[in-house]
Amino acid sequence: MTTQNTLSAQLKDYQNGFKQNASQDVVEVMGQATEALANSGIVDNSLKVGDTAPDFELPDPTGKSVKLSELLKNGPVEIKFYRGQRCHYSN
């Protein structure tokens, strides 16, 4: 089994668990938000595998400003967008 299949299976399991444990109202709101996002065209405007990200500068977890181009000098960079403790998907 590949990592992608494993991740897909894990996400599906998480989604099923969420649907079983959350209230129907929450499940419906999350479903509507997911559908709206899918229909927004965001995928068409997103970077694809192999694309080069534009250079940017953001604070790291300690508040220090870091620039993508500087980090890339040390090797590959992984970028994670974390929405915080309130987000079930991020956690």
C-alpha atoms as a PDB file:
ATOM      1  CA  MET A   1       0.000   0.000   0.000  1.00  0.00           C
ATOM      2  CA  THR A   2       1.397   3.432  -0.929  1.00  0.00           C
ATOM      3  CA  THR A   3       1.612   6.380   1.430  1.00  0.00           C
ATOM      4  CA  GLN A   4      -1.032   8.207  -0.585  1.00  0.00           C
ATOM      5  CA  ASN A   5      -3.460   5.299  -0.251  1.00  0.00           C
ATOM      6  CA  THR A   6      -2.698   5.090   3.446  1.00  0.00           C
ATOM      7  CA  LEU A   7      -3.307   8.810   3.878  1.00  0.00           C
ATOM      8  CA  SER A   8      -6.521   8.593   1.862  1.00  0.00           C
ATOM      9  CA  ALA A   9      -7.708   5.727   4.030  1.00  0.00           C
ATOM     10  CA  GLN A  10      -6.800   7.598   7.223  1.00  0.00           C
ATOM     11  CA  LEU A  11      -8.634  10.713   6.056  1.00  0.00           C
ATOM     12  CA  LYS A  12     -11.691   8.663   5.119  1.00  0.00           C
ATOM     13  CA  ASP A  13     -11.652   6.963   8.538  1.00  0.00           C
ATOM     14  CA  TYR A  14     -11.349  10.348  10.263  1.00  0.00           C
ATOM     15  CA  GLN A  15     -14.188  11.753   8.176  1.00  0.00           C
ATOM     16  CA  ASN A  16     -16.418   8.790   9.008  1.00  0.00           C
ATOM     17  CA  GLY A  17     -15.610   9.109  12.730  1.00  0.00           C
ATOM     18  CA  PHE A  18     -16.359  12.831  12.603  1.00  0.00           C
ATOM     19  CA  LYS A  19     -19.727  12.180  10.968  1.00  0.00           C
ATOM     20  CA  GLN A  20     -20.609   9.578  13.613  1.00  0.00           C
ATOM     21  CA  ASN A  21     -19.622  11.767  16.578  1.00  0.00           C
ATOM     22  CA  ALA A  22     -20.649  15.283  15.530  1.00  0.00           C
ATOM     23  CA  SER A  23     -24.183  16.616  15.622  1.00  0.00           C
ATOM     24  CA  GLN A  24     -26.135  16.474  12.373  1.00  0.00           C
ATOM     25  CA  ASP A  25     -26.150  20.292  12.220  1.00  0.00           C
ATOM     26  CA  VAL A  26     -22.352  20.426  12.392  1.00  0.00           C
ATOM     27  CA  VAL A  27     -21.981  17.664   9.801  1.00  0.00           C
ATOM     28  CA  GLU A  28     -24.304  19.571   7.445  1.00  0.00           C
ATOM     29  CA  VAL A  29     -22.463  22.891   7.908  1.00  0.00           C
ATOM     30  CA  MET A  30     -19.088  21.224   7.330  1.00  0.00           C
ATOM     31  CA  GLY A  31     -20.461  19.444   4.258  1.00  0.00           C
ATOM     32  CA  GLN A  32     -21.800  22.701   2.824  1.00  0.00           C
ATOM     33  CA  ALA A  33     -18.514  24.498   3.502  1.00  0.00           C
ATOM     34  CA  THR A  34     -16.541  21.676   1.873  1.00  0.00           C
ATOM     35  CA  GLU A  35     -18.806  21.720  -1.180  1.00  0.00           C
ATOM     36  CA  ALA A  36     -18.546  25.518  -1.469  1.00  0.00           C
ATOM     37  CA  LEU A  37     -14.763  25.304  -1.302  1.00  0.00           C
ATOM     38  CA  ALA A  38     -14.674  22.565  -3.945  1.00  0.00           C
ATOM     39  CA  ASN A  39     -16.928  24.660  -6.211  1.00  0.00           C
ATOM     40  CA  SER A  40     -14.953  27.883  -5.663  1.00  0.00           C
ATOM     41  CA  GLY A  41     -12.333  27.103  -8.304  1.00  0.00           C
ATOM     42  CA  ILE A  42      -9.542  27.223  -5.745  1.00  0.00           C
ATOM     43  CA  VAL A  43      -8.017  24.021  -7.114  1.00  0.00           C
ATOM     44  CA  ASP A  44      -7.618  25.627 -10.536  1.00  0.00           C
ATOM     45  CA  ASN A  45      -5.633  28.484  -8.971  1.00  0.00           C
ATOM     46  CA  SER A  46      -3.532  26.344  -6.633  1.00  0.00           C
ATOM     47  CA  LEU A  47       0.052  25.232  -7.129  1.00  0.00           C
ATOM     48  CA  LYS A  48       0.353  21.743  -8.563  1.00  0.00           C
ATOM     49  CA  VAL A  49       2.982  19.079  -7.944  1.00  0.00           C
ATOM     50  CA  GLY A  50       6.199  20.297  -9.545  1.00  0.00           C
ATOM     51  CA  ASP A  51       5.210  23.991  -9.552  1.00  0.00           C
ATOM     52  CA  THR A  52       7.555  26.525  -8.010  1.00  0.00           C
ATOM     53  CA  ALA A  53       6.136  28.513  -5.115  1.00  0.00           C
ATOM     54  CA  PRO A  54       6.630  32.278  -5.212  1.00  0.00           C
ATOM     55  CA  ASP A  55       9.084  33.609  -2.662  1.00  0.00           C
ATOM     56  CA  PHE A  56       7.464  34.891   0.533  1.00  0.00           C
ATOM     57  CA  GLU A  57       8.325  35.903   4.065  1.00  0.00           C
ATOM     58  CA  LEU A  58       6.352  34.873   7.163  1.00  0.00           C
ATOM     59  CA  PRO A  59       6.953  34.563  10.907  1.00  0.00           C
ATOM     60  CA  ASP A  60       8.048  31.163  12.210  1.00  0.00           C
ATOM     61  CA  PRO A  61       6.523  29.695  15.408  1.00  0.00           C
ATOM     62  CA  THR A  62       8.852  31.859  17.512  1.00  0.00           C
ATOM     63  CA  GLY A  63       7.867  35.058  15.683  1.00  0.00           C
ATOM     64  CA  LYS A  64      11.145  35.353  13.760  1.00  0.00           C
ATOM     65  CA  SER A  65      10.663  36.415  10.145  1.00  0.00           C
ATOM     66  CA  VAL A  66      11.830  33.773   7.650  1.00  0.00           C
ATOM     67  CA  LYS A  67      11.996  33.903   3.864  1.00  0.00           C
ATOM     68  CA  LEU A  68      11.318  30.867   1.688  1.00  0.00           C
ATOM     69  CA  SER A  69      14.327  31.526  -0.562  1.00  0.00           C
ATOM     70  CA  GLU A  70      16.644  31.557   2.478  1.00  0.00           C
ATOM     71  CA  LEU A  71      15.220  28.302   3.845  1.00  0.00           C
ATOM     72  CA  LEU A  72      15.596  26.613   0.452  1.00  0.00           C
ATOM     73  CA  LYS A  73      19.355  27.192   0.605  1.00  0.00           C
ATOM     74  CA  ASN A  74      19.444  24.450   3.273  1.00  0.00           C
ATOM     75  CA  GLY A  75      17.373  21.953   1.268  1.00  0.00           C
ATOM     76  CA  PRO A  76      13.691  21.122   0.726  1.00  0.00           C
ATOM     77  CA  VAL A  77      11.084  23.044   2.709  1.00  0.00           C
ATOM     78  CA  GLU A  78       7.788  21.702   4.002  1.00  0.00           C
ATOM     79  CA  ILE A  79       5.059  24.264   4.522  1.00  0.00           C
ATOM     80  CA  LYS A  80       2.137  23.573   6.829  1.00  0.00           C
ATOM     81  CA  PHE A  81      -0.779  25.902   7.355  1.00  0.00           C
ATOM     82  CA  TYR A  82      -2.203  25.350  10.828  1.00  0.00           C
ATOM     83  CA  ARG A  83      -5.543  26.947  11.621  1.00  0.00           C
ATOM     84  CA  GLY A  84      -5.296  26.329  15.333  1.00  0.00           C
ATOM     85  CA  GLN A  85      -6.796  24.364  18.186  1.00  0.00           C
ATOM     86  CA  ARG A  86     -10.382  25.038  17.139  1.00  0.00           C
ATOM     87  CA  CYS A  87     -10.006  23.232  13.818  1.00  0.00           C
ATOM     88  CA  HIS A  88     -10.810  19.528  13.980  1.00  0.00           C
ATOM     89  CA  TYR A  89      -9.133  18.887  10.625  1.00  0.00           C
ATOM     90  CA  SER A  90      -5.874  20.658  11.553  1.00  0.00           C
ATOM     91  CA  ASN A  91      -5.675  18.775  14.824  1.00  0.00           C
END
